[in-house]
Amino acid sequence: MFLNQEPTPKPEPSPGPEPTPEPENYTTIIIKWGDTLSQLALDYNTTVEELVRLNNIANPNLIYAGNTLIVPINGEQSEGTSDETIYVVKRGDTLSQIAMDFGTTVNAIAVRNNIKNVNLIYPGQILIIPSNSGNKNYITYKIRWGDTLWSISRRYGVSIAYLVRLNRIQNPNLIYAGDNLLI
């Protein structure tokens, strides 16, 4: 170093990235056993994607009890929460029974959840159940000789109970060729 040369200034540490959450709009919670991001998103009026983004979660299907999670405290209404329900499959459940319980169709649940095989669901699986409220767009099916409610229900992905209730059928074992069914 020369005497008349000024010392080289030390580089200033660069400021870290701005934290995503604003303190007044977010809070932290402790994850409890059994919590899922889907349920927490519903509870805090947000989306799973937002929780993943806020918390830098690599695998949204893997969260641990005892860890902390940043959640919005006054988020806007998340899309779809007013007309969809989150359901966790229990042992013995079938899509047909779930659809009947929620007044929707197997096909609607399968499409919404990207289910390829409607006969293959498992306990703990999270399903988004679309609402059928206000949807009066039924199709009319003309019963053919040899049809049964069972065969029609399988063909259209609905339950027999749904067909009976929708069409006010008194005796499910007695349907006639030529009659029309709403599906």
Protein backbone atom coordinates (compact mmCIF):
# COMPACT_ATOMS: atom_id res chain seq x y z
CA MET A 1 0.00 0.00 0.00
CA PHE A 2 1.25 3.44 -0.89
CA LEU A 3 1.20 6.25 1.63
CA ASN A 4 -0.94 8.65 -0.30
CA GLN A 5 -3.40 6.01 -1.50
CA GLU A 6 -6.71 5.79 0.30
CA PRO A 7 -7.64 2.39 1.63
CA THR A 8 -10.06 0.45 -0.49
CA PRO A 9 -13.47 0.69 1.12
CA LYS A 10 -14.96 -2.55 2.34
CA PRO A 11 -18.02 -3.53 0.35
CA GLU A 12 -21.27 -2.93 2.15
CA PRO A 13 -23.24 -6.10 2.77
CA SER A 14 -26.12 -6.20 0.36
CA PRO A 15 -29.49 -6.04 2.00
CA GLY A 16 -31.30 -9.38 2.07
CA PRO A 17 -34.47 -9.94 0.12
CA GLU A 18 -37.54 -8.18 1.43
CA PRO A 19 -39.65 -10.50 3.53
CA THR A 20 -42.79 -11.43 1.66
CA PRO A 21 -45.32 -10.90 4.42
CA GLU A 22 -46.22 -7.51 5.82
CA PRO A 23 -46.41 -7.77 9.63
CA GLU A 24 -49.89 -6.29 9.85
CA ASN A 25 -51.35 -8.66 7.24
CA TYR A 26 -49.83 -11.95 8.37
CA THR A 27 -49.39 -13.98 11.50
CA THR A 28 -47.65 -17.21 12.39
CA ILE A 29 -49.36 -20.34 13.63
CA ILE A 30 -48.10 -23.63 14.98
CA ILE A 31 -49.05 -26.61 12.82
CA LYS A 32 -51.02 -29.18 14.80
CA TRP A 33 -51.11 -32.91 14.17
CA GLY A 34 -53.67 -33.62 11.45
CA ASP A 35 -53.47 -30.15 9.88
CA THR A 36 -53.28 -29.99 6.11
CA LEU A 37 -52.46 -27.05 3.89
CA SER A 38 -55.86 -27.48 2.25
CA GLN A 39 -57.72 -27.14 5.52
CA LEU A 40 -55.49 -24.30 6.76
CA ALA A 41 -56.04 -22.46 3.47
CA LEU A 42 -59.79 -22.72 4.01
CA ASP A 43 -59.50 -21.71 7.66
CA TYR A 44 -57.46 -18.61 6.81
CA ASN A 45 -59.37 -17.69 3.66
CA THR A 46 -56.45 -18.18 1.30
CA THR A 47 -55.12 -20.79 -1.14
CA VAL A 48 -52.68 -23.66 -0.78
CA GLU A 49 -50.53 -22.00 -3.43
CA GLU A 50 -50.31 -18.82 -1.35
CA LEU A 51 -49.32 -20.77 1.78
CA VAL A 52 -46.66 -22.63 -0.23
CA ARG A 53 -45.32 -19.32 -1.59
CA LEU A 54 -45.30 -17.54 1.77
CA ASN A 55 -43.55 -20.40 3.54
CA ASN A 56 -41.24 -21.66 0.77
CA ILE A 57 -42.68 -25.15 1.10
CA ALA A 58 -41.01 -27.63 -1.25
CA ASN A 59 -43.64 -30.38 -0.89
CA PRO A 60 -47.18 -29.14 -0.11
CA ASN A 61 -48.19 -32.67 0.89
CA LEU A 62 -45.61 -32.77 3.65
CA ILE A 63 -45.91 -30.46 6.65
CA TYR A 64 -44.94 -31.27 10.22
CA ALA A 65 -46.76 -30.76 13.50
CA GLY A 66 -44.92 -28.26 15.68
CA ASN A 67 -43.53 -26.21 12.78
CA THR A 68 -44.62 -22.62 12.30
CA LEU A 69 -46.48 -21.37 9.29
CA ILE A 70 -47.04 -17.81 8.04
CA VAL A 71 -50.72 -17.25 7.23
CA PRO A 72 -52.68 -14.17 6.13
CA ILE A 73 -55.01 -12.79 8.78
CA ASN A 74 -57.30 -10.74 6.59
CA GLY A 75 -56.98 -12.22 3.12
CA GLU A 76 -59.50 -11.70 0.39
CA GLN A 77 -62.08 -14.39 -0.33
CA SER A 78 -60.19 -17.16 -2.06
CA GLU A 79 -61.57 -18.38 -5.36
CA GLY A 80 -63.91 -21.33 -5.15
CA THR A 81 -64.39 -21.53 -1.38
CA SER A 82 -68.01 -20.45 -1.47
CA ASP A 83 -69.10 -23.18 -3.85
CA GLU A 84 -66.66 -25.98 -3.08
CA THR A 85 -66.09 -28.15 -0.05
CA ILE A 86 -62.92 -29.91 1.05
CA TYR A 87 -63.54 -33.52 2.07
CA VAL A 88 -61.07 -36.02 3.50
CA VAL A 89 -61.82 -39.58 2.39
CA LYS A 90 -62.50 -42.03 5.22
CA ARG A 91 -62.14 -45.79 5.21
CA GLY A 92 -65.07 -47.38 3.38
CA ASP A 93 -65.99 -44.23 1.42
CA THR A 94 -66.88 -44.46 -2.26
CA LEU A 95 -67.12 -41.60 -4.72
CA SER A 96 -70.71 -42.61 -5.33
CA GLN A 97 -71.59 -42.25 -1.64
CA ILE A 98 -69.64 -39.00 -1.28
CA ALA A 99 -71.37 -37.55 -4.37
CA MET A 100 -74.76 -38.52 -2.99
CA ASP A 101 -73.95 -37.03 0.43
CA PHE A 102 -72.97 -33.71 -1.14
CA GLY A 103 -75.69 -33.63 -3.82
CA THR A 104 -73.30 -33.74 -6.74
CA THR A 105 -72.12 -36.38 -9.22
CA VAL A 106 -69.23 -38.81 -9.29
CA ASN A 107 -68.20 -37.32 -12.60
CA ALA A 108 -68.12 -33.77 -11.19
CA ILE A 109 -65.89 -34.89 -8.30
CA ALA A 110 -63.65 -36.95 -10.61
CA VAL A 111 -63.19 -34.08 -13.06
CA ARG A 112 -62.52 -31.50 -10.31
CA ASN A 113 -59.92 -33.76 -8.64
CA ASN A 114 -58.37 -35.21 -11.80
CA ILE A 115 -59.33 -38.75 -10.77
CA LYS A 116 -58.74 -41.23 -13.59
CA ASN A 117 -60.23 -44.32 -11.90
CA VAL A 118 -63.45 -43.49 -10.01
CA ASN A 119 -63.22 -46.82 -8.18
CA LEU A 120 -59.84 -45.97 -6.66
CA ILE A 121 -59.79 -43.53 -3.75
CA TYR A 122 -57.97 -43.98 -0.46
CA PRO A 123 -58.40 -42.93 3.18
CA GLY A 124 -56.80 -39.57 3.86
CA GLN A 125 -57.13 -38.43 0.25
CA ILE A 126 -58.30 -34.82 0.02
CA LEU A 127 -61.14 -34.18 -2.41
CA ILE A 128 -62.56 -30.88 -3.55
CA ILE A 129 -66.32 -31.36 -3.80
CA PRO A 130 -67.93 -28.99 -6.30
CA SER A 131 -71.32 -27.67 -5.35
CA ASN A 132 -74.31 -28.61 -7.42
CA SER A 133 -76.45 -25.84 -5.95
CA GLY A 134 -78.21 -23.81 -8.56
CA ASN A 135 -77.17 -26.20 -11.32
CA LYS A 136 -80.41 -27.34 -12.92
CA ASN A 137 -78.88 -28.45 -16.21
CA TYR A 138 -79.99 -32.06 -16.12
CA ILE A 139 -79.89 -34.37 -19.08
CA THR A 140 -82.87 -36.49 -20.05
CA TYR A 141 -82.31 -40.18 -20.64
CA LYS A 142 -84.92 -42.36 -22.34
CA ILE A 143 -85.02 -45.74 -20.63
CA ARG A 144 -84.39 -48.64 -23.02
CA TRP A 145 -85.45 -52.25 -22.72
CA GLY A 146 -83.03 -54.07 -20.40
CA ASP A 147 -81.92 -50.93 -18.55
CA THR A 148 -81.75 -50.96 -14.76
CA LEU A 149 -81.14 -48.05 -12.42
CA TRP A 150 -77.83 -49.70 -11.60
CA SER A 151 -76.68 -49.81 -15.24
CA ILE A 152 -77.86 -46.23 -15.87
CA SER A 153 -76.16 -44.99 -12.68
CA ARG A 154 -72.85 -46.61 -13.72
CA ARG A 155 -73.12 -45.25 -17.25
CA TYR A 156 -73.53 -41.67 -16.01
CA GLY A 157 -71.41 -41.85 -12.84
CA VAL A 158 -74.21 -41.13 -10.40
CA SER A 159 -75.68 -43.14 -7.55
CA ILE A 160 -78.92 -45.09 -7.71
CA ALA A 161 -80.16 -43.07 -4.73
CA TYR A 162 -79.52 -39.87 -6.68
CA LEU A 163 -81.61 -41.12 -9.61
CA VAL A 164 -84.39 -42.28 -7.28
CA ARG A 165 -84.47 -38.96 -5.41
CA LEU A 166 -84.19 -36.74 -8.50
CA ASN A 167 -86.90 -38.64 -10.41
CA ARG A 168 -89.09 -39.40 -7.37
CA ILE A 169 -89.13 -43.10 -8.19
CA GLN A 170 -91.38 -45.02 -5.79
CA ASN A 171 -89.98 -48.50 -6.53
CA PRO A 172 -86.33 -48.53 -7.73
CA ASN A 173 -86.78 -52.10 -8.98
CA LEU A 174 -89.56 -51.07 -11.36
CA ILE A 175 -88.71 -48.78 -14.28
CA TYR A 176 -90.22 -48.91 -17.77
CA ALA A 177 -88.68 -48.72 -21.24
CA GLY A 178 -89.76 -45.50 -22.93
CA ASP A 179 -89.94 -43.47 -19.70
CA ASN A 180 -87.57 -40.53 -19.29
CA LEU A 181 -85.13 -40.03 -16.42
CA LEU A 182 -83.42 -36.83 -15.38
CA ILE A 183 -79.72 -37.33 -14.76
